[in-house]
């Protein structure tokens, strides 16, 4: 269940410019990293070879793909905010993305952020700009900072 729920898009508009609830921690496993590597065909050893990473990586562990933390934004936003009348959500794009810190295997990440601009989109939707920070438990710097744009329709 989402932490903040709205009956419809009209009610959701009240969130414009406001923070969203901080998300729950998500554990990043080697299996998730391997599955992401398979999906994206990015098999760089820093992600998928624990033995080589233990010997040669400055982190001594494998690290998740930066784009994996970005790909989890939709799921993490859904854990934070829900609009009951929404029939569909679509990723629209990104304005800014940075990966300040690596996500080591077996670490936990969560989402914090706020809703930026909300615009009408066609006759039954909204275009929402989300200001997202993917935090790493115990780390000083986030895994990802992104200005993420989505569409939501009734």
N, C-alpha and C. Protein backbone atom coordinates (compact mmCIF):
# COMPACT_ATOMS: atom_id res chain seq x y z
N UNK A 1 0.84 -1.18 0.00
CA UNK A 1 0.00 0.00 0.00
C UNK A 1 0.89 1.24 0.00
N UNK A 2 0.53 2.22 -0.82
CA UNK A 2 1.28 3.47 -0.89
C UNK A 2 1.12 4.25 0.41
N UNK A 3 2.10 5.06 0.70
CA UNK A 3 2.09 5.84 1.94
C UNK A 3 1.17 7.06 1.86
N UNK A 4 0.93 7.56 0.65
CA UNK A 4 0.09 8.73 0.46
C UNK A 4 -0.86 8.41 -0.69
N UNK A 5 -2.17 8.47 -0.41
CA UNK A 5 -3.16 8.08 -1.40
C UNK A 5 -4.11 9.22 -1.69
N UNK A 6 -4.49 9.30 -2.98
CA UNK A 6 -5.43 10.32 -3.44
C UNK A 6 -6.54 9.62 -4.20
N UNK A 7 -7.74 10.18 -4.11
CA UNK A 7 -8.89 9.59 -4.79
C UNK A 7 -8.79 9.77 -6.30
N UNK A 8 -8.32 10.95 -6.75
CA UNK A 8 -8.29 11.23 -8.19
C UNK A 8 -7.18 12.23 -8.51
N UNK A 9 -7.02 12.52 -9.80
CA UNK A 9 -5.96 13.43 -10.24
C UNK A 9 -6.17 14.84 -9.71
N UNK A 10 -7.41 15.26 -9.61
CA UNK A 10 -7.69 16.59 -9.07
C UNK A 10 -7.15 16.72 -7.64
N UNK A 11 -7.39 15.72 -6.82
CA UNK A 11 -6.89 15.74 -5.44
C UNK A 11 -5.36 15.65 -5.41
N UNK A 12 -4.79 14.84 -6.31
CA UNK A 12 -3.33 14.69 -6.38
C UNK A 12 -2.63 16.03 -6.66
N UNK A 13 -3.27 16.91 -7.42
CA UNK A 13 -2.66 18.20 -7.78
C UNK A 13 -2.25 19.00 -6.54
N UNK A 14 -2.88 18.73 -5.40
CA UNK A 14 -2.52 19.44 -4.16
C UNK A 14 -1.09 19.12 -3.72
N UNK A 15 -0.50 18.07 -4.27
CA UNK A 15 0.87 17.68 -3.90
C UNK A 15 1.93 18.48 -4.65
N UNK A 16 1.53 19.27 -5.63
CA UNK A 16 2.49 20.05 -6.42
C UNK A 16 3.36 20.91 -5.50
N UNK A 17 4.69 20.78 -5.68
CA UNK A 17 5.65 21.54 -4.90
C UNK A 17 5.93 20.99 -3.51
N UNK A 18 5.31 19.89 -3.16
CA UNK A 18 5.44 19.34 -1.81
C UNK A 18 6.26 18.06 -1.80
N UNK A 19 6.83 17.73 -0.64
CA UNK A 19 7.59 16.49 -0.53
C UNK A 19 6.67 15.27 -0.57
N UNK A 20 7.22 14.17 -1.04
CA UNK A 20 6.52 12.90 -0.97
C UNK A 20 7.04 12.14 0.24
N UNK A 21 6.28 11.18 0.74
CA UNK A 21 6.79 10.39 1.87
C UNK A 21 8.06 9.64 1.47
N UNK A 22 8.96 9.49 2.40
CA UNK A 22 10.17 8.70 2.15
C UNK A 22 9.78 7.25 1.98
N UNK A 23 10.34 6.61 0.98
CA UNK A 23 10.00 5.23 0.68
C UNK A 23 10.61 4.23 1.64
N UNK A 24 10.18 3.00 1.49
CA UNK A 24 10.73 1.89 2.26
C UNK A 24 12.08 1.48 1.65
N UNK A 25 12.90 0.85 2.45
CA UNK A 25 14.19 0.36 1.98
C UNK A 25 13.98 -0.81 1.02
N UNK A 26 14.77 -0.83 -0.04
CA UNK A 26 14.79 -1.92 -1.02
C UNK A 26 16.19 -2.52 -0.99
N UNK A 27 16.29 -3.82 -0.72
CA UNK A 27 17.58 -4.50 -0.70
C UNK A 27 18.01 -4.83 -2.12
N UNK A 28 19.27 -4.54 -2.42
CA UNK A 28 19.82 -4.79 -3.75
C UNK A 28 20.67 -6.06 -3.68
N UNK A 29 20.17 -7.11 -4.32
CA UNK A 29 20.84 -8.41 -4.28
C UNK A 29 21.65 -8.65 -5.56
N UNK A 30 22.54 -9.61 -5.49
CA UNK A 30 23.30 -9.99 -6.69
C UNK A 30 22.37 -10.53 -7.76
N UNK A 31 21.34 -11.25 -7.36
CA UNK A 31 20.38 -11.76 -8.33
C UNK A 31 19.71 -10.62 -9.10
N UNK A 32 19.33 -9.54 -8.40
CA UNK A 32 18.73 -8.38 -9.08
C UNK A 32 19.72 -7.76 -10.06
N UNK A 33 20.97 -7.62 -9.62
CA UNK A 33 22.00 -7.03 -10.48
C UNK A 33 22.22 -7.90 -11.71
N UNK A 34 22.30 -9.22 -11.51
CA UNK A 34 22.48 -10.15 -12.63
C UNK A 34 21.30 -10.09 -13.60
N UNK A 35 20.08 -10.02 -13.05
CA UNK A 35 18.90 -9.94 -13.91
C UNK A 35 18.90 -8.64 -14.71
N UNK A 36 19.32 -7.54 -14.08
CA UNK A 36 19.39 -6.26 -14.80
C UNK A 36 20.45 -6.35 -15.90
N UNK A 37 21.57 -7.00 -15.61
CA UNK A 37 22.62 -7.18 -16.63
C UNK A 37 22.07 -7.96 -17.82
N UNK A 38 21.30 -9.00 -17.54
CA UNK A 38 20.71 -9.79 -18.63
C UNK A 38 19.74 -8.94 -19.45
N UNK A 39 18.92 -8.16 -18.76
CA UNK A 39 17.92 -7.35 -19.46
C UNK A 39 18.55 -6.27 -20.33
N UNK A 40 19.68 -5.72 -19.88
CA UNK A 40 20.31 -4.62 -20.61
C UNK A 40 21.53 -5.06 -21.43
N UNK A 41 21.90 -6.32 -21.27
CA UNK A 41 23.08 -6.90 -21.94
C UNK A 41 24.37 -6.16 -21.56
N UNK A 42 24.41 -5.66 -20.32
CA UNK A 42 25.59 -4.98 -19.79
C UNK A 42 26.21 -5.90 -18.74
N UNK A 43 27.21 -6.69 -19.17
CA UNK A 43 27.81 -7.70 -18.32
C UNK A 43 29.20 -7.30 -17.80
N UNK A 44 29.43 -6.01 -17.66
CA UNK A 44 30.72 -5.55 -17.15
C UNK A 44 31.01 -6.25 -15.81
N UNK A 45 32.25 -6.70 -15.63
CA UNK A 45 32.60 -7.50 -14.46
C UNK A 45 32.32 -6.81 -13.14
N UNK A 46 32.39 -5.50 -13.08
CA UNK A 46 32.15 -4.77 -11.84
C UNK A 46 30.74 -5.04 -11.31
N UNK A 47 29.84 -5.47 -12.21
CA UNK A 47 28.46 -5.77 -11.82
C UNK A 47 28.23 -7.26 -11.57
N UNK A 48 28.83 -8.12 -12.38
CA UNK A 48 28.40 -9.53 -12.40
C UNK A 48 29.44 -10.55 -11.97
N UNK A 49 30.63 -10.12 -11.61
CA UNK A 49 31.68 -11.07 -11.23
C UNK A 49 32.17 -10.79 -9.81
N UNK A 50 31.52 -11.39 -8.81
CA UNK A 50 31.89 -11.12 -7.42
C UNK A 50 33.36 -11.42 -7.08
N UNK A 51 33.91 -12.51 -7.64
CA UNK A 51 35.31 -12.84 -7.34
C UNK A 51 36.28 -11.78 -7.89
N UNK A 52 36.08 -11.39 -9.13
CA UNK A 52 36.93 -10.37 -9.73
C UNK A 52 36.76 -9.03 -9.02
N UNK A 53 35.52 -8.70 -8.67
CA UNK A 53 35.27 -7.45 -7.95
C UNK A 53 35.97 -7.45 -6.59
N UNK A 54 35.97 -8.59 -5.91
CA UNK A 54 36.63 -8.69 -4.60
C UNK A 54 38.14 -8.44 -4.73
N UNK A 55 38.71 -8.86 -5.85
CA UNK A 55 40.16 -8.69 -6.06
C UNK A 55 40.53 -7.33 -6.64
N UNK A 56 39.74 -6.85 -7.61
CA UNK A 56 40.18 -5.71 -8.41
C UNK A 56 39.39 -4.42 -8.24
N UNK A 57 38.22 -4.50 -7.68
CA UNK A 57 37.41 -3.30 -7.53
C UNK A 57 37.82 -2.52 -6.29
N UNK A 58 37.81 -1.21 -6.34
CA UNK A 58 38.10 -0.42 -5.13
C UNK A 58 37.02 -0.61 -4.06
N UNK A 59 35.85 -1.14 -4.46
CA UNK A 59 34.75 -1.34 -3.52
C UNK A 59 34.77 -2.74 -2.90
N UNK A 60 35.56 -3.67 -3.50
CA UNK A 60 35.71 -5.05 -3.02
C UNK A 60 34.42 -5.86 -3.09
N UNK A 61 33.43 -5.33 -3.80
CA UNK A 61 32.15 -6.00 -4.02
C UNK A 61 31.65 -5.59 -5.39
N UNK A 62 30.67 -6.32 -5.89
CA UNK A 62 30.02 -5.87 -7.11
C UNK A 62 29.16 -4.65 -6.80
N UNK A 63 28.86 -3.89 -7.85
CA UNK A 63 28.00 -2.71 -7.72
C UNK A 63 26.86 -2.82 -8.72
N UNK A 64 25.72 -2.29 -8.33
CA UNK A 64 24.57 -2.25 -9.24
C UNK A 64 24.84 -1.25 -10.35
N UNK A 65 24.25 -1.48 -11.49
CA UNK A 65 24.31 -0.54 -12.59
C UNK A 65 23.66 0.77 -12.14
N UNK A 66 24.23 1.89 -12.51
CA UNK A 66 23.60 3.16 -12.19
C UNK A 66 22.19 3.23 -12.72
N UNK A 67 22.00 2.71 -13.94
CA UNK A 67 20.67 2.74 -14.53
C UNK A 67 19.68 1.84 -13.80
N UNK A 68 20.18 0.92 -12.98
CA UNK A 68 19.26 0.08 -12.20
C UNK A 68 18.55 0.92 -11.15
N UNK A 69 19.29 1.79 -10.47
CA UNK A 69 18.64 2.65 -9.47
C UNK A 69 17.65 3.60 -10.16
N UNK A 70 17.97 4.02 -11.36
CA UNK A 70 17.05 4.86 -12.13
C UNK A 70 15.80 4.08 -12.54
N UNK A 71 16.00 2.84 -12.97
CA UNK A 71 14.89 1.99 -13.40
C UNK A 71 13.94 1.67 -12.25
N UNK A 72 14.42 1.71 -11.04
CA UNK A 72 13.58 1.42 -9.88
C UNK A 72 12.71 2.60 -9.45
N UNK A 73 12.90 3.77 -10.05
CA UNK A 73 12.14 4.96 -9.65
C UNK A 73 10.63 4.74 -9.74
N UNK A 74 10.17 4.17 -10.84
CA UNK A 74 8.72 3.97 -11.00
C UNK A 74 8.17 3.11 -9.87
N UNK A 75 8.85 2.03 -9.57
CA UNK A 75 8.40 1.13 -8.50
C UNK A 75 8.42 1.86 -7.16
N UNK A 76 9.50 2.59 -6.89
CA UNK A 76 9.63 3.27 -5.59
C UNK A 76 8.62 4.41 -5.47
N UNK A 77 8.34 5.12 -6.56
CA UNK A 77 7.30 6.16 -6.51
C UNK A 77 5.95 5.54 -6.22
N UNK A 78 5.67 4.39 -6.82
CA UNK A 78 4.41 3.70 -6.58
C UNK A 78 4.23 3.27 -5.14
N UNK A 79 5.34 3.01 -4.45
CA UNK A 79 5.28 2.66 -3.03
C UNK A 79 4.99 3.89 -2.17
N UNK A 80 5.24 5.07 -2.70
CA UNK A 80 5.07 6.31 -1.94
C UNK A 80 3.74 7.00 -2.19
N UNK A 81 3.29 6.99 -3.45
CA UNK A 81 2.11 7.76 -3.84
C UNK A 81 1.21 6.90 -4.72
N UNK A 82 -0.09 6.97 -4.45
CA UNK A 82 -1.06 6.24 -5.28
C UNK A 82 -2.27 7.14 -5.53
N UNK A 83 -2.73 7.12 -6.79
CA UNK A 83 -3.96 7.82 -7.16
C UNK A 83 -4.95 6.74 -7.59
N UNK A 84 -6.03 6.57 -6.82
CA UNK A 84 -6.97 5.47 -7.04
C UNK A 84 -7.63 5.51 -8.41
N UNK A 85 -7.91 6.68 -8.94
CA UNK A 85 -8.61 6.77 -10.22
C UNK A 85 -7.68 6.59 -11.42
N UNK A 86 -6.38 6.56 -11.18
CA UNK A 86 -5.44 6.44 -12.30
C UNK A 86 -5.58 5.07 -12.97
N UNK A 87 -5.71 5.09 -14.27
CA UNK A 87 -5.83 3.85 -15.03
C UNK A 87 -4.51 3.45 -15.68
N UNK A 88 -3.59 4.41 -15.77
CA UNK A 88 -2.32 4.12 -16.42
C UNK A 88 -1.30 5.19 -16.07
N UNK A 89 -0.06 4.76 -15.89
CA UNK A 89 1.06 5.66 -15.74
C UNK A 89 2.11 5.32 -16.79
N UNK A 90 2.78 6.34 -17.30
CA UNK A 90 3.78 6.15 -18.36
C UNK A 90 5.01 6.98 -18.03
N UNK A 91 6.18 6.38 -18.22
CA UNK A 91 7.42 7.15 -18.11
C UNK A 91 7.51 8.07 -19.32
N UNK A 92 7.74 9.35 -19.08
CA UNK A 92 7.78 10.34 -20.15
C UNK A 92 9.20 10.76 -20.48
N UNK A 93 10.08 10.80 -19.47
CA UNK A 93 11.45 11.18 -19.74
C UNK A 93 12.17 11.69 -18.51
N UNK A 94 13.34 12.19 -18.75
CA UNK A 94 14.21 12.69 -17.69
C UNK A 94 14.82 14.01 -18.13
N UNK A 95 14.93 14.95 -17.21
CA UNK A 95 15.62 16.19 -17.51
C UNK A 95 17.06 16.15 -17.02
N UNK A 96 17.26 15.66 -15.82
CA UNK A 96 18.60 15.63 -15.23
C UNK A 96 18.76 14.33 -14.46
N UNK A 97 19.93 13.71 -14.61
CA UNK A 97 20.24 12.49 -13.86
C UNK A 97 21.71 12.51 -13.48
N UNK A 98 21.99 12.17 -12.25
CA UNK A 98 23.37 12.01 -11.77
C UNK A 98 23.44 10.78 -10.89
N UNK A 99 24.61 10.13 -10.87
CA UNK A 99 24.86 8.96 -10.03
C UNK A 99 26.05 9.26 -9.11
N UNK A 100 25.83 10.00 -8.02
CA UNK A 100 26.94 10.43 -7.18
C UNK A 100 27.68 9.33 -6.43
N UNK A 101 27.02 8.21 -6.17
CA UNK A 101 27.65 7.16 -5.37
C UNK A 101 27.21 5.79 -5.85
N UNK A 102 28.13 4.81 -5.86
CA UNK A 102 27.76 3.47 -6.31
C UNK A 102 26.89 2.75 -5.27
N UNK A 103 26.05 1.86 -5.78
CA UNK A 103 25.23 1.01 -4.92
C UNK A 103 25.89 -0.37 -4.86
N UNK A 104 26.47 -0.68 -3.72
CA UNK A 104 27.14 -1.97 -3.56
C UNK A 104 26.11 -3.08 -3.36
N UNK A 105 26.44 -4.27 -3.82
CA UNK A 105 25.57 -5.41 -3.61
C UNK A 105 25.27 -5.55 -2.12
N UNK A 106 24.07 -5.96 -1.80
CA UNK A 106 23.58 -6.18 -0.44
C UNK A 106 23.36 -4.88 0.34
N UNK A 107 23.38 -3.75 -0.34
CA UNK A 107 23.03 -2.50 0.34
C UNK A 107 21.53 -2.26 0.14
N UNK A 108 21.03 -1.25 0.83
CA UNK A 108 19.61 -0.91 0.73
C UNK A 108 19.47 0.52 0.25
N UNK A 109 18.48 0.73 -0.62
CA UNK A 109 18.20 2.06 -1.14
C UNK A 109 16.74 2.41 -0.87
N UNK A 110 16.46 3.72 -0.87
CA UNK A 110 15.08 4.18 -0.75
C UNK A 110 14.95 5.52 -1.45
N UNK A 111 13.70 5.89 -1.71
CA UNK A 111 13.41 7.11 -2.43
C UNK A 111 12.97 8.22 -1.48
N UNK A 112 13.49 9.41 -1.72
CA UNK A 112 12.95 10.62 -1.10
C UNK A 112 12.82 11.65 -2.21
N UNK A 113 12.02 12.66 -1.98
CA UNK A 113 11.89 13.66 -3.02
C UNK A 113 10.64 14.51 -2.86
N UNK A 114 10.30 15.16 -3.96
CA UNK A 114 9.13 16.03 -3.96
C UNK A 114 8.53 16.07 -5.36
N UNK A 115 7.29 16.52 -5.41
CA UNK A 115 6.63 16.72 -6.69
C UNK A 115 6.95 18.14 -7.14
N UNK A 116 7.42 18.27 -8.35
CA UNK A 116 7.66 19.59 -8.92
C UNK A 116 6.41 20.06 -9.64
N UNK A 117 6.57 20.39 -10.88
CA UNK A 117 5.46 20.93 -11.68
C UNK A 117 4.48 19.83 -12.08
N UNK A 118 3.20 20.15 -12.02
CA UNK A 118 2.14 19.28 -12.53
C UNK A 118 1.41 20.06 -13.62
N UNK A 119 1.32 19.48 -14.81
CA UNK A 119 0.67 20.12 -15.95
C UNK A 119 -0.44 19.21 -16.48
N UNK A 120 -1.49 19.81 -17.02
CA UNK A 120 -2.50 19.02 -17.72
C UNK A 120 -1.85 18.38 -18.93
N UNK A 121 -2.27 17.15 -19.22
CA UNK A 121 -1.77 16.45 -20.40
C UNK A 121 -2.95 15.79 -21.11
N UNK A 122 -3.21 16.26 -22.29
CA UNK A 122 -4.38 15.84 -23.07
C UNK A 122 -5.64 16.02 -22.23
N UNK A 123 -6.70 15.33 -22.57
CA UNK A 123 -7.96 15.60 -21.89
C UNK A 123 -8.12 14.86 -20.57
N UNK A 124 -7.34 13.82 -20.32
CA UNK A 124 -7.57 13.02 -19.12
C UNK A 124 -6.29 12.68 -18.35
N UNK A 125 -5.27 13.51 -18.48
CA UNK A 125 -4.02 13.15 -17.82
C UNK A 125 -3.26 14.33 -17.26
N UNK A 126 -2.20 13.98 -16.57
CA UNK A 126 -1.27 14.95 -16.01
C UNK A 126 0.14 14.59 -16.41
N UNK A 127 0.97 15.59 -16.59
CA UNK A 127 2.41 15.40 -16.74
C UNK A 127 3.03 15.89 -15.44
N UNK A 128 3.76 15.00 -14.77
CA UNK A 128 4.29 15.28 -13.43
C UNK A 128 5.81 15.25 -13.47
N UNK A 129 6.43 16.28 -12.93
CA UNK A 129 7.88 16.29 -12.75
C UNK A 129 8.18 15.95 -11.30
N UNK A 130 8.89 14.85 -11.12
CA UNK A 130 9.27 14.37 -9.79
C UNK A 130 10.74 14.69 -9.55
N UNK A 131 11.08 15.24 -8.41
CA UNK A 131 12.47 15.50 -8.04
C UNK A 131 12.86 14.38 -7.07
N UNK A 132 13.63 13.44 -7.58
CA UNK A 132 13.90 12.18 -6.88
C UNK A 132 15.34 12.09 -6.39
N UNK A 133 15.49 11.57 -5.19
CA UNK A 133 16.80 11.24 -4.64
C UNK A 133 16.73 9.80 -4.16
N UNK A 134 17.62 8.96 -4.68
CA UNK A 134 17.71 7.58 -4.25
C UNK A 134 18.83 7.51 -3.21
N UNK A 135 18.44 7.33 -1.96
CA UNK A 135 19.39 7.28 -0.85
C UNK A 135 19.93 5.87 -0.67
N UNK A 136 21.17 5.80 -0.17
CA UNK A 136 21.78 4.51 0.19
C UNK A 136 21.91 4.50 1.70
N UNK A 137 21.41 3.45 2.32
CA UNK A 137 21.45 3.35 3.77
C UNK A 137 22.90 3.48 4.28
N UNK A 138 23.11 4.43 5.19
CA UNK A 138 24.42 4.62 5.80
C UNK A 138 25.42 5.41 4.97
N UNK A 139 25.04 5.85 3.80
CA UNK A 139 25.96 6.58 2.92
C UNK A 139 25.71 8.08 3.02
N UNK A 140 26.78 8.84 2.83
CA UNK A 140 26.67 10.30 2.86
C UNK A 140 26.12 10.86 1.55
N UNK A 141 26.36 10.15 0.47
CA UNK A 141 25.93 10.64 -0.85
C UNK A 141 24.89 9.70 -1.44
N UNK A 142 23.95 10.23 -2.19
CA UNK A 142 22.91 9.38 -2.78
C UNK A 142 23.43 8.56 -3.96
N UNK A 143 22.67 7.53 -4.30
CA UNK A 143 22.97 6.70 -5.46
C UNK A 143 22.59 7.42 -6.75
N UNK A 144 21.48 8.14 -6.70
CA UNK A 144 20.94 8.76 -7.90
C UNK A 144 20.15 10.00 -7.53
N UNK A 145 20.31 11.02 -8.32
CA UNK A 145 19.48 12.22 -8.24
C UNK A 145 18.91 12.41 -9.64
N UNK A 146 17.58 12.50 -9.72
CA UNK A 146 16.96 12.57 -11.04
C UNK A 146 15.74 13.47 -11.04
N UNK A 147 15.59 14.18 -12.13
CA UNK A 147 14.35 14.90 -12.41
C UNK A 147 13.61 14.03 -13.41
N UNK A 148 12.62 13.35 -12.92
CA UNK A 148 11.90 12.30 -13.65
C UNK A 148 10.51 12.81 -14.02
N UNK A 149 10.11 12.56 -15.25
CA UNK A 149 8.80 13.04 -15.71
C UNK A 149 7.94 11.83 -16.06
N UNK A 150 6.73 11.83 -15.55
CA UNK A 150 5.80 10.76 -15.86
C UNK A 150 4.46 11.34 -16.28
N UNK A 151 3.67 10.49 -16.92
CA UNK A 151 2.31 10.83 -17.28
C UNK A 151 1.38 9.93 -16.48
N UNK A 152 0.26 10.48 -16.03
CA UNK A 152 -0.73 9.70 -15.31
C UNK A 152 -2.10 10.01 -15.92
N UNK A 153 -2.87 8.95 -16.18
CA UNK A 153 -4.15 9.11 -16.85
C UNK A 153 -5.29 8.52 -16.02
N UNK A 154 -6.47 9.14 -16.16
CA UNK A 154 -7.70 8.60 -15.57
C UNK A 154 -8.53 7.99 -16.68
